[in-house]
Amino acid sequence: MPIAKAARVSGWALLVGFLAVFTVFESAKYGLVTTAGAVVGLAIPEVAGRLSGRAPRTAAALRAWWRPTVLLVVAMVSPVGGTALFTAGLGWLTRITAERLRP
């Protein structure tokens, strides 16, 4: 494996690990509602991929990194339900980042 590719894969792996630990930490810290949010966030790309068999652009759009990032920002300024939204965004971003590791 070339050094550049190994460095890229290592970087993505470190980011996935950080996001996964942060998601679990937030889920454990705030309880069942945030855990449900994390599970929903992790499932969004998978469910969208299966449901959009005729519309692959929809599945690809839900795998864009900026969408969960916007959700994270909205959750940080939201006065109600922010923790569940934040954890859902973390789970979604973790899933998208983990997909970058696939060959």
C-alpha atoms as a PDB file:
ATOM      1  CA  MET A   1       0.000   0.000   0.000  1.00  0.00           C
ATOM      2  CA  PRO A   2       1.476   3.375  -0.945  1.00  0.00           C
ATOM      3  CA  ILE A   3       2.283   5.735   1.894  1.00  0.00           C
ATOM      4  CA  ALA A   4      -0.211   8.379   0.770  1.00  0.00           C
ATOM      5  CA  LYS A   5      -3.061   5.865   0.700  1.00  0.00           C
ATOM      6  CA  ALA A   6      -2.063   4.455   4.087  1.00  0.00           C
ATOM      7  CA  ALA A   7      -2.020   7.964   5.557  1.00  0.00           C
ATOM      8  CA  ARG A   8      -5.440   8.730   4.076  1.00  0.00           C
ATOM      9  CA  VAL A   9      -6.951   5.503   5.417  1.00  0.00           C
ATOM     10  CA  SER A  10      -5.358   6.080   8.831  1.00  0.00           C
ATOM     11  CA  GLY A  11      -6.796   9.585   8.972  1.00  0.00           C
ATOM     12  CA  TRP A  12     -10.299   8.384   8.134  1.00  0.00           C
ATOM     13  CA  ALA A  13      -9.957   5.557  10.683  1.00  0.00           C
ATOM     14  CA  LEU A  14      -8.942   7.993  13.432  1.00  0.00           C
ATOM     15  CA  LEU A  15     -11.872  10.259  12.598  1.00  0.00           C
ATOM     16  CA  VAL A  16     -14.307   7.320  12.647  1.00  0.00           C
ATOM     17  CA  GLY A  17     -12.952   6.233  16.019  1.00  0.00           C
ATOM     18  CA  PHE A  18     -13.273   9.720  17.476  1.00  0.00           C
ATOM     19  CA  LEU A  19     -16.810  10.185  16.167  1.00  0.00           C
ATOM     20  CA  ALA A  20     -17.895   6.739  17.379  1.00  0.00           C
ATOM     21  CA  VAL A  21     -16.528   7.334  20.883  1.00  0.00           C
ATOM     22  CA  PHE A  22     -18.101  10.802  20.985  1.00  0.00           C
ATOM     23  CA  THR A  23     -21.461   9.369  19.870  1.00  0.00           C
ATOM     24  CA  VAL A  24     -21.385   6.660  22.540  1.00  0.00           C
ATOM     25  CA  PHE A  25     -20.313   9.201  25.167  1.00  0.00           C
ATOM     26  CA  GLU A  26     -23.201  11.547  24.328  1.00  0.00           C
ATOM     27  CA  SER A  27     -25.657   8.631  24.255  1.00  0.00           C
ATOM     28  CA  ALA A  28     -24.565   7.399  27.663  1.00  0.00           C
ATOM     29  CA  LYS A  29     -24.481  10.890  29.130  1.00  0.00           C
ATOM     30  CA  TYR A  30     -28.002  11.953  28.148  1.00  0.00           C
ATOM     31  CA  GLY A  31     -29.931   8.692  28.192  1.00  0.00           C
ATOM     32  CA  LEU A  32     -32.395   6.761  26.100  1.00  0.00           C
ATOM     33  CA  VAL A  33     -33.695   9.563  23.864  1.00  0.00           C
ATOM     34  CA  THR A  34     -30.213  10.423  22.654  1.00  0.00           C
ATOM     35  CA  THR A  35     -29.400   6.756  22.176  1.00  0.00           C
ATOM     36  CA  ALA A  36     -32.437   6.476  19.930  1.00  0.00           C
ATOM     37  CA  GLY A  37     -31.204   9.562  18.066  1.00  0.00           C
ATOM     38  CA  ALA A  38     -27.795   7.961  17.559  1.00  0.00           C
ATOM     39  CA  VAL A  39     -29.373   4.766  16.216  1.00  0.00           C
ATOM     40  CA  VAL A  40     -31.549   6.765  13.820  1.00  0.00           C
ATOM     41  CA  GLY A  41     -28.512   8.762  12.708  1.00  0.00           C
ATOM     42  CA  LEU A  42     -26.544   5.603  12.042  1.00  0.00           C
ATOM     43  CA  ALA A  43     -29.435   4.133  10.052  1.00  0.00           C
ATOM     44  CA  ILE A  44     -30.259   7.142   7.846  1.00  0.00           C
ATOM     45  CA  PRO A  45     -27.855   6.337   4.970  1.00  0.00           C
ATOM     46  CA  GLU A  46     -28.727   2.625   5.014  1.00  0.00           C
ATOM     47  CA  VAL A  47     -32.484   3.122   5.033  1.00  0.00           C
ATOM     48  CA  ALA A  48     -32.256   5.804   2.355  1.00  0.00           C
ATOM     49  CA  GLY A  49     -30.157   3.520   0.183  1.00  0.00           C
ATOM     50  CA  ARG A  50     -32.664   0.697   0.434  1.00  0.00           C
ATOM     51  CA  LEU A  51     -35.733   2.867  -0.059  1.00  0.00           C
ATOM     52  CA  SER A  52     -34.377   4.836  -2.989  1.00  0.00           C
ATOM     53  CA  GLY A  53     -33.722   1.992  -5.377  1.00  0.00           C
ATOM     54  CA  ARG A  54     -35.117   4.108  -8.182  1.00  0.00           C
ATOM     55  CA  ALA A  55     -33.529   7.338  -7.043  1.00  0.00           C
ATOM     56  CA  PRO A  56     -29.824   6.756  -6.371  1.00  0.00           C
ATOM     57  CA  ARG A  57     -29.262  10.511  -6.209  1.00  0.00           C
ATOM     58  CA  THR A  58     -31.308  10.606  -3.007  1.00  0.00           C
ATOM     59  CA  ALA A  59     -29.111   7.987  -1.373  1.00  0.00           C
ATOM     60  CA  ALA A  60     -25.987   9.805  -2.524  1.00  0.00           C
ATOM     61  CA  ALA A  61     -27.331  13.109  -1.226  1.00  0.00           C
ATOM     62  CA  LEU A  62     -27.827  11.617   2.241  1.00  0.00           C
ATOM     63  CA  ARG A  63     -24.200  10.507   2.227  1.00  0.00           C
ATOM     64  CA  ALA A  64     -22.901  14.070   1.884  1.00  0.00           C
ATOM     65  CA  TRP A  65     -20.873  15.152   4.910  1.00  0.00           C
ATOM     66  CA  TRP A  66     -22.337  18.636   5.103  1.00  0.00           C
ATOM     67  CA  ARG A  67     -25.900  17.506   5.840  1.00  0.00           C
ATOM     68  CA  PRO A  68     -25.165  15.972   9.267  1.00  0.00           C
ATOM     69  CA  THR A  69     -22.829  18.888   9.959  1.00  0.00           C
ATOM     70  CA  VAL A  70     -25.734  21.293   9.424  1.00  0.00           C
ATOM     71  CA  LEU A  71     -27.836  19.102  11.736  1.00  0.00           C
ATOM     72  CA  LEU A  72     -25.117  19.354  14.399  1.00  0.00           C
ATOM     73  CA  VAL A  73     -25.082  23.152  14.146  1.00  0.00           C
ATOM     74  CA  VAL A  74     -28.887  23.360  14.271  1.00  0.00           C
ATOM     75  CA  ALA A  75     -28.905  21.072  17.318  1.00  0.00           C
ATOM     76  CA  MET A  76     -26.388  23.276  19.115  1.00  0.00           C
ATOM     77  CA  VAL A  77     -28.599  26.348  18.790  1.00  0.00           C
ATOM     78  CA  SER A  78     -31.917  24.545  19.267  1.00  0.00           C
ATOM     79  CA  PRO A  79     -33.567  25.311  22.604  1.00  0.00           C
ATOM     80  CA  VAL A  80     -35.646  22.083  22.625  1.00  0.00           C
ATOM     81  CA  GLY A  81     -34.552  18.571  21.677  1.00  0.00           C
ATOM     82  CA  GLY A  82     -31.023  19.613  20.862  1.00  0.00           C
ATOM     83  CA  THR A  83     -29.285  16.684  22.504  1.00  0.00           C
ATOM     84  CA  ALA A  84     -31.190  14.052  20.522  1.00  0.00           C
ATOM     85  CA  LEU A  85     -30.632  15.953  17.271  1.00  0.00           C
ATOM     86  CA  PHE A  86     -26.957  16.416  18.092  1.00  0.00           C
ATOM     87  CA  THR A  87     -26.465  12.718  18.776  1.00  0.00           C
ATOM     88  CA  ALA A  88     -28.376  11.823  15.593  1.00  0.00           C
ATOM     89  CA  GLY A  89     -26.053  14.114  13.652  1.00  0.00           C
ATOM     90  CA  LEU A  90     -23.033  12.494  15.272  1.00  0.00           C
ATOM     91  CA  GLY A  91     -24.293   9.024  14.399  1.00  0.00           C
ATOM     92  CA  TRP A  92     -25.022  10.082  10.823  1.00  0.00           C
ATOM     93  CA  LEU A  93     -21.586  11.659  10.425  1.00  0.00           C
ATOM     94  CA  THR A  94     -19.961   8.567  11.943  1.00  0.00           C
ATOM     95  CA  ARG A  95     -21.733   6.351   9.409  1.00  0.00           C
ATOM     96  CA  ILE A  96     -20.757   8.533   6.454  1.00  0.00           C
ATOM     97  CA  THR A  97     -17.151   8.676   7.621  1.00  0.00           C
ATOM     98  CA  ALA A  98     -17.039   4.902   8.147  1.00  0.00           C
ATOM     99  CA  GLU A  99     -18.233   4.406   4.583  1.00  0.00           C
ATOM    100  CA  ARG A 100     -15.160   6.301   3.373  1.00  0.00           C
ATOM    101  CA  LEU A 101     -13.026   3.436   4.702  1.00  0.00           C
ATOM    102  CA  ARG A 102     -14.633   0.862   2.431  1.00  0.00           C
ATOM    103  CA  PRO A 103     -12.589  -0.097  -0.625  1.00  0.00           C
END
